[in-house]
Amino acid sequence: MVTAFVKRKHNTDTARNGFQIQMFQGGPPHEPYFIAINNKDQVIIGPSKKIVATHVVGELEVLV
């Protein structure tokens, strides 16, 4: 369900080390959260875009 939600409702794109990452950003402006899917289709939910992006990119770099 979360995978379908992120794919349909993503509203934030970011890039880390040349990798494009689609995320959903929500929550109040002072405390946003981000949801992303890594390359193993695992859900990542974090309070910081940098933490989420680093986690996703870390997963991708393992395969490169």
PDB file of N, CA and C in Angstrom:
ATOM      1  N   MET A   1       0.821  -1.182   0.000  1.00  0.00           N
ATOM      2  CA  MET A   1       0.000   0.000   0.000  1.00  0.00           C
ATOM      3  C   MET A   1       0.876   1.261   0.000  1.00  0.00           C
ATOM      4  N   VAL A   2       1.930   1.252   0.822  1.00  0.00           N
ATOM      5  CA  VAL A   2       2.804   2.429   0.882  1.00  0.00           C
ATOM      6  C   VAL A   2       3.540   2.630  -0.435  1.00  0.00           C
ATOM      7  N   THR A   3       3.954   1.547  -1.068  1.00  0.00           N
ATOM      8  CA  THR A   3       4.649   1.641  -2.352  1.00  0.00           C
ATOM      9  C   THR A   3       3.751   2.307  -3.394  1.00  0.00           C
ATOM     10  N   ALA A   4       2.504   1.889  -3.471  1.00  0.00           N
ATOM     11  CA  ALA A   4       1.564   2.493  -4.418  1.00  0.00           C
ATOM     12  C   ALA A   4       1.333   3.959  -4.070  1.00  0.00           C
ATOM     13  N   PHE A   5       1.241   4.265  -2.787  1.00  0.00           N
ATOM     14  CA  PHE A   5       1.032   5.652  -2.349  1.00  0.00           C
ATOM     15  C   PHE A   5       2.190   6.540  -2.791  1.00  0.00           C
ATOM     16  N   VAL A   6       3.422   6.100  -2.546  1.00  0.00           N
ATOM     17  CA  VAL A   6       4.586   6.916  -2.912  1.00  0.00           C
ATOM     18  C   VAL A   6       4.672   7.080  -4.422  1.00  0.00           C
ATOM     19  N   LYS A   7       4.405   6.019  -5.174  1.00  0.00           N
ATOM     20  CA  LYS A   7       4.492   6.110  -6.632  1.00  0.00           C
ATOM     21  C   LYS A   7       3.433   7.045  -7.217  1.00  0.00           C
ATOM     22  N   ARG A   8       2.259   7.094  -6.612  1.00  0.00           N
ATOM     23  CA  ARG A   8       1.179   7.945  -7.124  1.00  0.00           C
ATOM     24  C   ARG A   8       1.201   9.355  -6.557  1.00  0.00           C
ATOM     25  N   LYS A   9       1.636   9.505  -5.326  1.00  0.00           N
ATOM     26  CA  LYS A   9       1.498  10.788  -4.633  1.00  0.00           C
ATOM     27  C   LYS A   9       2.820  11.477  -4.332  1.00  0.00           C
ATOM     28  N   HIS A  10       3.946  10.980  -4.867  1.00  0.00           N
ATOM     29  CA  HIS A  10       5.215  11.631  -4.518  1.00  0.00           C
ATOM     30  C   HIS A  10       5.144  13.104  -4.900  1.00  0.00           C
ATOM     31  N   ASN A  11       5.667  13.928  -4.029  1.00  0.00           N
ATOM     32  CA  ASN A  11       5.615  15.367  -4.265  1.00  0.00           C
ATOM     33  C   ASN A  11       6.976  16.034  -4.070  1.00  0.00           C
ATOM     34  N   THR A  12       8.008  15.234  -3.889  1.00  0.00           N
ATOM     35  CA  THR A  12       9.357  15.759  -3.706  1.00  0.00           C
ATOM     36  C   THR A  12      10.330  14.894  -4.494  1.00  0.00           C
ATOM     37  N   ASP A  13      11.156  15.527  -5.276  1.00  0.00           N
ATOM     38  CA  ASP A  13      12.229  14.825  -5.970  1.00  0.00           C
ATOM     39  C   ASP A  13      13.550  15.382  -5.475  1.00  0.00           C
ATOM     40  N   THR A  14      14.489  14.519  -5.270  1.00  0.00           N
ATOM     41  CA  THR A  14      15.815  14.958  -4.858  1.00  0.00           C
ATOM     42  C   THR A  14      16.836  14.092  -5.562  1.00  0.00           C
ATOM     43  N   ALA A  15      18.048  14.531  -5.575  1.00  0.00           N
ATOM     44  CA  ALA A  15      19.125  13.756  -6.189  1.00  0.00           C
ATOM     45  C   ALA A  15      20.299  13.720  -5.223  1.00  0.00           C
ATOM     46  N   ARG A  16      20.891  12.552  -5.092  1.00  0.00           N
ATOM     47  CA  ARG A  16      22.092  12.386  -4.271  1.00  0.00           C
ATOM     48  C   ARG A  16      23.068  11.542  -5.081  1.00  0.00           C
ATOM     49  N   ASN A  17      24.262  12.059  -5.285  1.00  0.00           N
ATOM     50  CA  ASN A  17      25.294  11.339  -6.030  1.00  0.00           C
ATOM     51  C   ASN A  17      24.800  10.866  -7.397  1.00  0.00           C
ATOM     52  N   GLY A  18      23.975  11.681  -8.052  1.00  0.00           N
ATOM     53  CA  GLY A  18      23.486  11.348  -9.380  1.00  0.00           C
ATOM     54  C   GLY A  18      22.270  10.443  -9.422  1.00  0.00           C
ATOM     55  N   PHE A  19      21.771  10.004  -8.275  1.00  0.00           N
ATOM     56  CA  PHE A  19      20.590   9.153  -8.226  1.00  0.00           C
ATOM     57  C   PHE A  19      19.355   9.999  -7.962  1.00  0.00           C
ATOM     58  N   GLN A  20      18.325   9.850  -8.785  1.00  0.00           N
ATOM     59  CA  GLN A  20      17.055  10.531  -8.559  1.00  0.00           C
ATOM     60  C   GLN A  20      16.245   9.740  -7.539  1.00  0.00           C
ATOM     61  N   ILE A  21      15.681  10.416  -6.568  1.00  0.00           N
ATOM     62  CA  ILE A  21      14.888   9.769  -5.533  1.00  0.00           C
ATOM     63  C   ILE A  21      13.546  10.473  -5.446  1.00  0.00           C
ATOM     64  N   GLN A  22      12.472   9.714  -5.601  1.00  0.00           N
ATOM     65  CA  GLN A  22      11.132  10.252  -5.453  1.00  0.00           C
ATOM     66  C   GLN A  22      10.670  10.005  -4.024  1.00  0.00           C
ATOM     67  N   MET A  23      10.118  11.045  -3.400  1.00  0.00           N
ATOM     68  CA  MET A  23       9.653  10.933  -2.023  1.00  0.00           C
ATOM     69  C   MET A  23       8.315  11.617  -1.864  1.00  0.00           C
ATOM     70  N   PHE A  24       7.628  11.251  -0.805  1.00  0.00           N
ATOM     71  CA  PHE A  24       6.450  11.985  -0.381  1.00  0.00           C
ATOM     72  C   PHE A  24       6.841  12.760   0.865  1.00  0.00           C
ATOM     73  N   GLN A  25       6.552  14.045   0.868  1.00  0.00           N
ATOM     74  CA  GLN A  25       6.824  14.879   2.030  1.00  0.00           C
ATOM     75  C   GLN A  25       5.494  15.292   2.635  1.00  0.00           C
ATOM     76  N   GLY A  26       5.376  15.158   3.950  1.00  0.00           N
ATOM     77  CA  GLY A  26       4.144  15.550   4.626  1.00  0.00           C
ATOM     78  C   GLY A  26       4.433  16.036   6.028  1.00  0.00           C
ATOM     79  N   GLY A  27       3.391  16.358   6.738  1.00  0.00           N
ATOM     80  CA  GLY A  27       3.539  16.821   8.113  1.00  0.00           C
ATOM     81  C   GLY A  27       3.566  18.329   8.198  1.00  0.00           C
ATOM     82  N   PRO A  28       3.617  18.841   9.405  1.00  0.00           N
ATOM     83  CA  PRO A  28       3.661  20.296   9.580  1.00  0.00           C
ATOM     84  C   PRO A  28       5.007  20.854   9.121  1.00  0.00           C
ATOM     85  N   PRO A  29       5.037  22.131   8.707  1.00  0.00           N
ATOM     86  CA  PRO A  29       6.275  22.711   8.169  1.00  0.00           C
ATOM     87  C   PRO A  29       7.462  22.650   9.134  1.00  0.00           C
ATOM     88  N   HIS A  30       7.201  22.707  10.428  1.00  0.00           N
ATOM     89  CA  HIS A  30       8.295  22.695  11.398  1.00  0.00           C
ATOM     90  C   HIS A  30       8.784  21.288  11.722  1.00  0.00           C
ATOM     91  N   GLU A  31       8.060  20.267  11.285  1.00  0.00           N
ATOM     92  CA  GLU A  31       8.458  18.887  11.578  1.00  0.00           C
ATOM     93  C   GLU A  31       8.026  17.961  10.438  1.00  0.00           C
ATOM     94  N   PRO A  32       8.590  18.161   9.238  1.00  0.00           N
ATOM     95  CA  PRO A  32       8.161  17.325   8.104  1.00  0.00           C
ATOM     96  C   PRO A  32       8.692  15.900   8.201  1.00  0.00           C
ATOM     97  N   TYR A  33       8.006  15.001   7.530  1.00  0.00           N
ATOM     98  CA  TYR A  33       8.511  13.633   7.411  1.00  0.00           C
ATOM     99  C   TYR A  33       8.544  13.281   5.934  1.00  0.00           C
ATOM    100  N   PHE A  34       9.346  12.287   5.608  1.00  0.00           N
ATOM    101  CA  PHE A  34       9.524  11.872   4.231  1.00  0.00           C
ATOM    102  C   PHE A  34       9.362  10.365   4.139  1.00  0.00           C
ATOM    103  N   ILE A  35       8.750   9.920   3.040  1.00  0.00           N
ATOM    104  CA  ILE A  35       8.594   8.495   2.775  1.00  0.00           C
ATOM    105  C   ILE A  35       9.229   8.223   1.418  1.00  0.00           C
ATOM    106  N   ALA A  36      10.058   7.201   1.349  1.00  0.00           N
ATOM    107  CA  ALA A  36      10.695   6.808   0.092  1.00  0.00           C
ATOM    108  C   ALA A  36      10.749   5.287   0.034  1.00  0.00           C
ATOM    109  N   ILE A  37      11.027   4.774  -1.152  1.00  0.00           N
ATOM    110  CA  ILE A  37      11.164   3.330  -1.375  1.00  0.00           C
ATOM    111  C   ILE A  37      12.584   3.078  -1.852  1.00  0.00           C
ATOM    112  N   ASN A  38      13.283   2.128  -1.229  1.00  0.00           N
ATOM    113  CA  ASN A  38      14.650   1.854  -1.680  1.00  0.00           C
ATOM    114  C   ASN A  38      14.632   0.848  -2.823  1.00  0.00           C
ATOM    115  N   ASN A  39      15.813   0.477  -3.299  1.00  0.00           N
ATOM    116  CA  ASN A  39      15.893  -0.399  -4.463  1.00  0.00           C
ATOM    117  C   ASN A  39      15.458  -1.837  -4.170  1.00  0.00           C
ATOM    118  N   LYS A  40      15.220  -2.157  -2.904  1.00  0.00           N
ATOM    119  CA  LYS A  40      14.721  -3.487  -2.532  1.00  0.00           C
ATOM    120  C   LYS A  40      13.227  -3.426  -2.194  1.00  0.00           C
ATOM    121  N   ASP A  41      12.576  -2.344  -2.607  1.00  0.00           N
ATOM    122  CA  ASP A  41      11.152  -2.105  -2.341  1.00  0.00           C
ATOM    123  C   ASP A  41      10.832  -2.067  -0.849  1.00  0.00           C
ATOM    124  N   GLN A  42      11.789  -1.622  -0.042  1.00  0.00           N
ATOM    125  CA  GLN A  42      11.559  -1.433   1.378  1.00  0.00           C
ATOM    126  C   GLN A  42      11.170   0.015   1.625  1.00  0.00           C
ATOM    127  N   VAL A  43      10.253   0.217   2.528  1.00  0.00           N
ATOM    128  CA  VAL A  43       9.774   1.554   2.857  1.00  0.00           C
ATOM    129  C   VAL A  43      10.739   2.211   3.829  1.00  0.00           C
ATOM    130  N   ILE A  44      11.045   3.474   3.569  1.00  0.00           N
ATOM    131  CA  ILE A  44      11.884   4.266   4.455  1.00  0.00           C
ATOM    132  C   ILE A  44      11.081   5.482   4.864  1.00  0.00           C
ATOM    133  N   ILE A  45      10.902   5.664   6.152  1.00  0.00           N
ATOM    134  CA  ILE A  45      10.207   6.828   6.673  1.00  0.00           C
ATOM    135  C   ILE A  45      11.172   7.528   7.617  1.00  0.00           C
ATOM    136  N   GLY A  46      11.402   8.807   7.372  1.00  0.00           N
ATOM    137  CA  GLY A  46      12.348   9.527   8.202  1.00  0.00           C
ATOM    138  C   GLY A  46      11.933  10.967   8.426  1.00  0.00           C
ATOM    139  N   PRO A  47      12.462  11.576   9.486  1.00  0.00           N
ATOM    140  CA  PRO A  47      12.123  12.958   9.779  1.00  0.00           C
ATOM    141  C   PRO A  47      12.938  13.957   8.961  1.00  0.00           C
ATOM    142  N   SER A  48      13.955  13.502   8.265  1.00  0.00           N
ATOM    143  CA  SER A  48      14.841  14.405   7.546  1.00  0.00           C
ATOM    144  C   SER A  48      15.072  13.910   6.122  1.00  0.00           C
ATOM    145  N   LYS A  49      14.931  14.823   5.160  1.00  0.00           N
ATOM    146  CA  LYS A  49      15.146  14.433   3.761  1.00  0.00           C
ATOM    147  C   LYS A  49      16.574  13.928   3.554  1.00  0.00           C
ATOM    148  N   LYS A  50      17.552  14.561   4.200  1.00  0.00           N
ATOM    149  CA  LYS A  50      18.944  14.145   4.027  1.00  0.00           C
ATOM    150  C   LYS A  50      19.154  12.721   4.528  1.00  0.00           C
ATOM    151  N   ILE A  51      18.559  12.375   5.667  1.00  0.00           N
ATOM    152  CA  ILE A  51      18.703  11.016   6.201  1.00  0.00           C
ATOM    153  C   ILE A  51      18.074  10.002   5.243  1.00  0.00           C
ATOM    154  N   VAL A  52      16.878  10.309   4.760  1.00  0.00           N
ATOM    155  CA  VAL A  52      16.193   9.394   3.837  1.00  0.00           C
ATOM    156  C   VAL A  52      16.997   9.259   2.545  1.00  0.00           C
ATOM    157  N   ALA A  53      17.445  10.379   1.983  1.00  0.00           N
ATOM    158  CA  ALA A  53      18.199  10.327   0.727  1.00  0.00           C
ATOM    159  C   ALA A  53      19.507   9.567   0.895  1.00  0.00           C
ATOM    160  N   THR A  54      20.192   9.792   1.998  1.00  0.00           N
ATOM    161  CA  THR A  54      21.443   9.079   2.241  1.00  0.00           C
ATOM    162  C   THR A  54      21.195   7.588   2.369  1.00  0.00           C
ATOM    163  N   HIS A  55      20.112   7.209   3.031  1.00  0.00           N
ATOM    164  CA  HIS A  55      19.789   5.789   3.183  1.00  0.00           C
ATOM    165  C   HIS A  55      19.493   5.155   1.823  1.00  0.00           C
ATOM    166  N   VAL A  56      18.689   5.821   1.016  1.00  0.00           N
ATOM    167  CA  VAL A  56      18.348   5.278  -0.302  1.00  0.00           C
ATOM    168  C   VAL A  56      19.589   5.180  -1.170  1.00  0.00           C
ATOM    169  N   VAL A  57      20.395   6.222  -1.197  1.00  0.00           N
ATOM    170  CA  VAL A  57      21.600   6.209  -2.023  1.00  0.00           C
ATOM    171  C   VAL A  57      22.574   5.148  -1.520  1.00  0.00           C
ATOM    172  N   GLY A  58      22.677   4.987  -0.232  1.00  0.00           N
ATOM    173  CA  GLY A  58      23.534   3.941   0.318  1.00  0.00           C
ATOM    174  C   GLY A  58      23.126   2.570  -0.180  1.00  0.00           C
ATOM    175  N   GLU A  59      21.840   2.301  -0.234  1.00  0.00           N
ATOM    176  CA  GLU A  59      21.336   1.028  -0.754  1.00  0.00           C
ATOM    177  C   GLU A  59      21.691   0.875  -2.221  1.00  0.00           C
ATOM    178  N   LEU A  60      21.563   1.936  -3.000  1.00  0.00           N
ATOM    179  CA  LEU A  60      21.844   1.853  -4.424  1.00  0.00           C
ATOM    180  C   LEU A  60      23.334   1.664  -4.684  1.00  0.00           C
ATOM    181  N   GLU A  61      24.178   2.336  -3.918  1.00  0.00           N
ATOM    182  CA  GLU A  61      25.612   2.238  -4.148  1.00  0.00           C
ATOM    183  C   GLU A  61      26.152   0.834  -3.872  1.00  0.00           C
ATOM    184  N   VAL A  62      25.468   0.092  -3.020  1.00  0.00           N
ATOM    185  CA  VAL A  62      25.892  -1.285  -2.740  1.00  0.00           C
ATOM    186  C   VAL A  62      25.818  -2.115  -4.001  1.00  0.00           C
ATOM    187  N   LEU A  63      24.845  -1.856  -4.859  1.00  0.00           N
ATOM    188  CA  LEU A  63      24.663  -2.641  -6.085  1.00  0.00           C
ATOM    189  C   LEU A  63      25.536  -2.183  -7.236  1.00  0.00           C
ATOM    190  N   VAL A  64      26.100  -0.998  -7.141  1.00  0.00           N
ATOM    191  CA  VAL A  64      26.888  -0.436  -8.249  1.00  0.00           C
ATOM    192  C   VAL A  64      28.279  -1.005  -8.271  1.00  0.00           C
TER     193      VAL A  64
END
